[in-house]
C-alpha atoms as a PDB file:
ATOM      1  CA  MET A   1       0.000   0.000   0.000  1.00  0.00           C
ATOM      2  CA  THR A   2       1.026   3.598  -0.492  1.00  0.00           C
ATOM      3  CA  GLN A   3       2.694   5.271   2.476  1.00  0.00           C
ATOM      4  CA  LEU A   4       1.267   8.768   2.929  1.00  0.00           C
ATOM      5  CA  GLY A   5       3.360   9.866   5.886  1.00  0.00           C
ATOM      6  CA  ALA A   6       6.700   8.510   4.665  1.00  0.00           C
ATOM      7  CA  GLY A   7       9.534  10.963   5.208  1.00  0.00           C
ATOM      8  CA  ARG A   8       7.297  13.614   6.767  1.00  0.00           C
ATOM      9  CA  GLU A   9       9.041  16.548   8.382  1.00  0.00           C
ATOM     10  CA  GLU A  10       7.519  19.078  10.758  1.00  0.00           C
ATOM     11  CA  ASP A  11       4.268  20.486   9.382  1.00  0.00           C
ATOM     12  CA  VAL A  12       4.471  23.985   7.955  1.00  0.00           C
ATOM     13  CA  THR A  13       1.745  26.028   9.651  1.00  0.00           C
ATOM     14  CA  PHE A  14       0.124  29.353   8.833  1.00  0.00           C
ATOM     15  CA  THR A  15      -2.754  31.045  10.575  1.00  0.00           C
ATOM     16  CA  VAL A  16      -5.734  31.688   8.317  1.00  0.00           C
ATOM     17  CA  THR A  17      -4.928  35.417   8.505  1.00  0.00           C
ATOM     18  CA  GLU A  18      -1.313  34.796   7.436  1.00  0.00           C
ATOM     19  CA  ALA A  19      -2.453  32.469   4.668  1.00  0.00           C
ATOM     20  CA  ARG A  20      -4.788  35.144   3.348  1.00  0.00           C
ATOM     21  CA  THR A  21      -1.912  37.597   2.934  1.00  0.00           C
ATOM     22  CA  LYS A  22       0.664  34.980   1.834  1.00  0.00           C
ATOM     23  CA  PHE A  23      -1.544  32.777  -0.327  1.00  0.00           C
ATOM     24  CA  GLY A  24       1.086  32.340  -3.058  1.00  0.00           C
ATOM     25  CA  GLU A  25       3.670  31.226  -0.496  1.00  0.00           C
ATOM     26  CA  VAL A  26       1.217  28.755   1.056  1.00  0.00           C
ATOM     27  CA  VAL A  27       0.439  27.211  -2.343  1.00  0.00           C
ATOM     28  CA  ASN A  28       4.111  27.091  -3.335  1.00  0.00           C
ATOM     29  CA  ARG A  29       5.088  25.432  -0.042  1.00  0.00           C
ATOM     30  CA  ALA A  30       2.484  22.721  -0.585  1.00  0.00           C
ATOM     31  CA  ARG A  31       3.326  22.293  -4.266  1.00  0.00           C
ATOM     32  CA  TYR A  32       7.118  22.275  -4.202  1.00  0.00           C
ATOM     33  CA  SER A  33       7.790  20.632  -0.838  1.00  0.00           C
ATOM     34  CA  ASN A  34       5.076  18.054  -1.561  1.00  0.00           C
ATOM     35  CA  ALA A  35       4.178  18.323   2.126  1.00  0.00           C
ATOM     36  CA  PRO A  36       0.827  19.430   3.530  1.00  0.00           C
ATOM     37  CA  VAL A  37       0.514  22.959   4.891  1.00  0.00           C
ATOM     38  CA  ARG A  38      -1.629  23.343   8.020  1.00  0.00           C
ATOM     39  CA  LEU A  39      -3.936  26.354   8.361  1.00  0.00           C
ATOM     40  CA  THR A  40      -5.000  27.231  11.895  1.00  0.00           C
ATOM     41  CA  GLN A  41      -7.672  29.489  13.298  1.00  0.00           C
ATOM     42  CA  HIS A  42      -7.946  30.320  16.992  1.00  0.00           C
ATOM     43  CA  GLY A  43      -5.156  27.822  17.684  1.00  0.00           C
ATOM     44  CA  LYS A  44      -6.934  24.861  16.081  1.00  0.00           C
ATOM     45  CA  THR A  45      -6.424  23.239  12.699  1.00  0.00           C
ATOM     46  CA  ALA A  46      -8.946  24.702  10.265  1.00  0.00           C
ATOM     47  CA  ALA A  47      -7.768  23.199   6.961  1.00  0.00           C
ATOM     48  CA  TRP A  48      -4.867  21.744   5.009  1.00  0.00           C
ATOM     49  CA  VAL A  49      -3.404  22.767   1.656  1.00  0.00           C
ATOM     50  CA  ILE A  50      -1.845  19.877  -0.262  1.00  0.00           C
ATOM     51  CA  SER A  51      -0.166  19.413  -3.632  1.00  0.00           C
ATOM     52  CA  ASP A  52      -1.843  17.707  -6.560  1.00  0.00           C
ATOM     53  CA  GLU A  53       0.666  14.844  -6.273  1.00  0.00           C
ATOM     54  CA  LEU A  54      -0.164  14.319  -2.596  1.00  0.00           C
ATOM     55  CA  MET A  55      -3.901  14.411  -3.388  1.00  0.00           C
ATOM     56  CA  ASP A  56      -3.376  11.711  -6.030  1.00  0.00           C
ATOM     57  CA  ARG A  57      -1.499   9.587  -3.466  1.00  0.00           C
ATOM     58  CA  LEU A  58      -4.296  10.086  -0.945  1.00  0.00           C
ATOM     59  CA  ARG A  59      -6.902   9.000  -3.487  1.00  0.00           C
ATOM     60  CA  GLN A  60      -4.807   5.950  -4.403  1.00  0.00           C
ATOM     61  CA  PHE A  61      -4.473   5.058  -0.719  1.00  0.00           C
ATOM     62  CA  GLU A  62      -8.256   5.372  -0.235  1.00  0.00           C
ATOM     63  CA  ASP A  63      -8.940   3.266  -3.349  1.00  0.00           C
ATOM     64  CA  GLU A  64      -6.566   0.534  -2.130  1.00  0.00           C
ATOM     65  CA  ARG A  65      -8.226   0.560   1.308  1.00  0.00           C
ATOM     66  CA  ASP A  66     -11.716   0.401  -0.213  1.00  0.00           C
ATOM     67  CA  LEU A  67     -10.698  -2.449  -2.532  1.00  0.00           C
ATOM     68  CA  ALA A  68      -9.258  -4.399   0.404  1.00  0.00           C
ATOM     69  CA  LEU A  69     -12.515  -3.928   2.344  1.00  0.00           C
ATOM     70  CA  LEU A  70     -14.635  -4.961  -0.652  1.00  0.00           C
ATOM     71  CA  THR A  71     -12.462  -8.025  -1.239  1.00  0.00           C
ATOM     72  CA  ALA A  72     -12.824  -9.043   2.411  1.00  0.00           C
ATOM     73  CA  LEU A  73     -16.595  -8.531   2.256  1.00  0.00           C
ATOM     74  CA  LYS A  74     -16.842 -10.554  -0.965  1.00  0.00           C
ATOM     75  CA  ASN A  75     -14.817 -13.374   0.580  1.00  0.00           C
ATOM     76  CA  GLU A  76     -17.204 -13.404   3.554  1.00  0.00           C
ATOM     77  CA  GLY A  77     -20.400 -13.201   1.520  1.00  0.00           C
ATOM     78  CA  GLY A  78     -19.862 -15.463  -1.468  1.00  0.00           C
ATOM     79  CA  ASP A  79     -21.126 -14.651  -4.955  1.00  0.00           C
ATOM     80  CA  GLU A  80     -24.294 -12.765  -4.014  1.00  0.00           C
ATOM     81  CA  TRP A  81     -25.034  -9.569  -5.919  1.00  0.00           C
ATOM     82  CA  VAL A  82     -25.168  -6.526  -3.631  1.00  0.00           C
ATOM     83  CA  PRO A  83     -26.689  -3.195  -4.737  1.00  0.00           C
ATOM     84  CA  HIS A  84     -24.289  -0.218  -4.901  1.00  0.00           C
ATOM     85  CA  GLU A  85     -26.168   1.640  -2.142  1.00  0.00           C
ATOM     86  CA  GLU A  86     -25.783  -1.333   0.191  1.00  0.00           C
ATOM     87  CA  VAL A  87     -22.047  -1.533  -0.548  1.00  0.00           C
ATOM     88  CA  ASN A  88     -21.736   2.163   0.327  1.00  0.00           C
ATOM     89  CA  ASP A  89     -23.619   1.586   3.595  1.00  0.00           C
ATOM     90  CA  ILE A  90     -21.354  -1.358   4.463  1.00  0.00           C
ATOM     91  CA  LEU A  91     -18.214   0.670   3.707  1.00  0.00           C
ATOM     92  CA  ASP A  92     -19.500   3.611   5.757  1.00  0.00           C
ATOM     93  CA  LYS A  93     -20.067   1.307   8.730  1.00  0.00           C
ATOM     94  CA  GLN A  94     -16.649  -0.341   8.305  1.00  0.00           C
ATOM     95  CA  LEU A  95     -14.874   3.031   8.102  1.00  0.00           C
ATOM     96  CA  ALA A  96     -16.876   4.794  10.837  1.00  0.00           C
ATOM     97  CA  PRO A  97     -14.422   3.999  13.665  1.00  0.00           C
ATOM     98  CA  GLU A  98     -11.607   5.652  11.657  1.00  0.00           C
ATOM     99  CA  ALA A  99     -13.564   8.909  11.528  1.00  0.00           C
ATOM    100  CA  GLU A 100     -13.813   9.011  15.345  1.00  0.00           C
ATOM    101  CA  GLU A 101     -10.023   8.744  15.894  1.00  0.00           C
END
């Protein structure tokens, strides 16, 4: 599987106010360092700015995780056909504990 945090250095952080005035620098930091840039507001993380390459890696990681879950579910359930909506519900339930962490 793809390693998203491999080689990660300290996060670069800007307040939302700083980011507003230094938007080009924020984007360039994310793009050229290929590391996420944290935006904070009132001392708490408000958002992240990430490069296109990192977004692609994140999507690949999510796809690999979803495929692994679907494969495990298929191996448990046999050859039954399952509607798309039901698969989404099953995945949501399987991934729900991750959202709480």
